[in-house]
Amino acid sequence: MSGLAMAAAARSLVGVPYRRDGRDPLTGLDCLGVVAAALALTGRDSTLPPRSTLRRRDDPDAQAIARATGLLRVDDGRIAPGDVLLLRCSPLQLHALVAVAATRFVHAHAGLRRVVEGPHDPAWLPVGHWRLPPAP
């Protein structure tokens, strides 16, 4: 599966209602739900936490979560379609996004109450960056 397939899967979720801890596109998604649903739409098994672990005092083990889904850490800073980014949007909250281009992302927007596509807030600080492994 390619990053382009992951990006297309994420784009297909735009407009889905936002729901905290949401993991089903029929009832609503949160930011981890968007990642899980995009992985599922591309035929990948997703073992993301059933409840959001991104709003708390201690950061979740994002690397372990990514590894469990088969995503590989990216350290070169280049964003490709299908990449999953984890950003710090406030001191106590992390946010997951799926890249559809270098500066455009699909994510669950709590304020707008739906999944959206667009740039992310430049004030959000990078915490992690992962990519699907290359197709064999």
Protein backbone atom coordinates (compact mmCIF):
# COMPACT_ATOMS: atom_id res chain seq x y z
CA MET A 1 0.00 0.00 0.00
CA SER A 2 1.31 3.43 -0.83
CA GLY A 3 1.21 6.71 1.01
CA LEU A 4 -1.02 7.99 -1.78
CA ALA A 5 -3.61 5.33 -0.90
CA MET A 6 -3.42 6.36 2.76
CA ALA A 7 -3.85 10.02 1.79
CA ALA A 8 -6.84 9.17 -0.42
CA ALA A 9 -8.38 7.11 2.37
CA ALA A 10 -7.97 10.01 4.81
CA ARG A 11 -9.47 12.43 2.28
CA SER A 12 -12.53 10.19 1.96
CA LEU A 13 -13.22 10.87 5.65
CA VAL A 14 -13.53 14.66 5.26
CA GLY A 15 -16.94 15.70 6.54
CA VAL A 16 -17.34 12.81 8.99
CA PRO A 17 -18.60 14.17 12.34
CA TYR A 18 -16.16 14.72 15.19
CA ARG A 19 -16.69 12.56 18.26
CA ARG A 20 -14.22 12.31 21.12
CA ASP A 21 -12.81 8.76 21.27
CA GLY A 22 -14.64 8.09 17.99
CA ARG A 23 -13.31 5.14 16.01
CA ASP A 24 -16.16 4.52 13.55
CA PRO A 25 -16.75 6.82 10.54
CA LEU A 26 -20.48 6.09 10.78
CA THR A 27 -20.75 7.59 14.27
CA GLY A 28 -17.81 10.03 14.37
CA LEU A 29 -14.04 10.19 14.67
CA ASP A 30 -11.43 11.92 16.77
CA CYS A 31 -7.88 12.50 15.52
CA LEU A 32 -6.72 8.96 16.31
CA GLY A 33 -9.94 7.68 14.80
CA VAL A 34 -9.06 9.39 11.51
CA VAL A 35 -5.69 7.60 11.47
CA ALA A 36 -7.31 4.27 12.41
CA ALA A 37 -10.08 4.62 9.81
CA ALA A 38 -7.62 5.59 7.05
CA LEU A 39 -5.47 2.57 7.91
CA ALA A 40 -8.55 0.32 7.87
CA LEU A 41 -9.71 1.72 4.51
CA THR A 42 -6.35 0.77 3.03
CA GLY A 43 -6.60 -2.77 4.36
CA ARG A 44 -4.31 -2.34 7.35
CA ASP A 45 -5.18 -3.61 10.79
CA SER A 46 -5.25 -0.75 13.28
CA THR A 47 -4.45 -1.36 16.92
CA LEU A 48 -4.80 2.23 18.07
CA PRO A 49 -6.11 2.84 21.60
CA PRO A 50 -9.91 2.72 21.83
CA ARG A 51 -9.85 5.89 23.92
CA SER A 52 -7.91 9.05 23.22
CA THR A 53 -4.65 9.17 25.11
CA LEU A 54 -3.58 12.48 23.63
CA ARG A 55 -5.01 14.82 26.30
CA ARG A 56 -3.12 14.15 29.52
CA ARG A 57 -0.11 15.11 31.59
CA ASP A 58 2.08 12.18 30.44
CA ASP A 59 2.60 11.63 26.73
CA PRO A 60 1.48 8.25 25.39
CA ASP A 61 4.10 5.93 23.94
CA ALA A 62 3.45 7.18 20.41
CA GLN A 63 6.35 5.19 18.97
CA ALA A 64 4.90 1.93 20.34
CA ILE A 65 1.47 2.79 18.95
CA ALA A 66 2.95 3.58 15.53
CA ARG A 67 5.05 0.40 15.55
CA ALA A 68 1.94 -1.66 16.35
CA THR A 69 0.27 -0.32 13.20
CA GLY A 70 3.34 -0.96 11.04
CA LEU A 71 4.28 2.70 10.63
CA LEU A 72 7.96 3.60 10.46
CA ARG A 73 9.50 6.67 12.12
CA VAL A 74 10.57 9.47 9.76
CA ASP A 75 13.42 11.71 10.87
CA ASP A 76 14.28 13.66 7.71
CA GLY A 77 11.52 16.27 8.16
CA ARG A 78 10.10 15.77 4.66
CA ILE A 79 6.34 15.25 4.66
CA ALA A 80 4.87 12.91 2.03
CA PRO A 81 1.24 12.00 1.30
CA GLY A 82 -0.01 9.41 3.78
CA ASP A 83 2.42 10.37 6.53
CA VAL A 84 1.05 10.48 10.07
CA LEU A 85 2.14 13.42 12.21
CA LEU A 86 1.73 13.91 15.93
CA LEU A 87 1.81 17.56 16.97
CA ARG A 88 1.57 19.33 20.32
CA CYS A 89 -1.25 21.85 20.02
CA SER A 90 -1.22 22.86 23.69
CA PRO A 91 0.86 21.99 26.75
CA LEU A 92 -1.45 19.09 27.65
CA GLN A 93 -2.78 18.01 24.26
CA LEU A 94 -1.37 16.17 21.26
CA HIS A 95 -3.08 15.95 17.87
CA ALA A 96 -2.70 13.38 15.07
CA LEU A 97 -2.99 14.29 11.39
CA VAL A 98 -2.65 12.46 8.06
CA ALA A 99 -0.75 14.33 5.35
CA VAL A 100 -2.32 14.60 1.91
CA ALA A 101 0.45 16.93 0.69
CA ALA A 102 3.47 18.60 2.25
CA THR A 103 1.36 21.36 3.80
CA ARG A 104 -2.18 19.89 3.78
CA PHE A 105 -3.57 17.47 6.30
CA VAL A 106 -6.74 15.60 7.19
CA HIS A 107 -7.66 15.67 10.86
CA ALA A 108 -10.62 15.73 13.23
CA HIS A 109 -11.35 19.34 14.17
CA ALA A 110 -13.10 19.50 17.54
CA GLY A 111 -14.08 23.16 17.10
CA LEU A 112 -15.68 22.61 13.70
CA ARG A 113 -17.12 19.27 14.89
CA ARG A 114 -16.01 17.37 11.77
CA VAL A 115 -13.06 15.92 9.89
CA VAL A 116 -11.42 18.59 7.74
CA GLU A 117 -8.59 19.06 5.24
CA GLY A 118 -6.24 22.00 5.32
CA PRO A 119 -3.00 23.33 6.77
CA HIS A 120 -2.28 22.85 10.45
CA ASP A 121 -1.62 25.66 12.89
CA PRO A 122 2.07 26.61 12.52
CA ALA A 123 2.30 27.07 16.31
CA TRP A 124 1.74 23.32 16.82
CA LEU A 125 5.06 21.66 17.63
CA PRO A 126 6.12 18.34 16.06
CA VAL A 127 6.27 15.35 18.41
CA GLY A 128 6.41 12.45 15.96
CA HIS A 129 6.33 11.63 12.26
CA TRP A 130 5.65 8.20 10.74
CA ARG A 131 5.21 6.66 7.30
CA LEU A 132 3.96 3.39 5.87
CA PRO A 133 6.77 1.09 4.81
CA PRO A 134 7.51 0.98 1.08
CA ALA A 135 5.53 -1.58 -0.89
CA PRO A 136 7.47 -4.80 -1.55
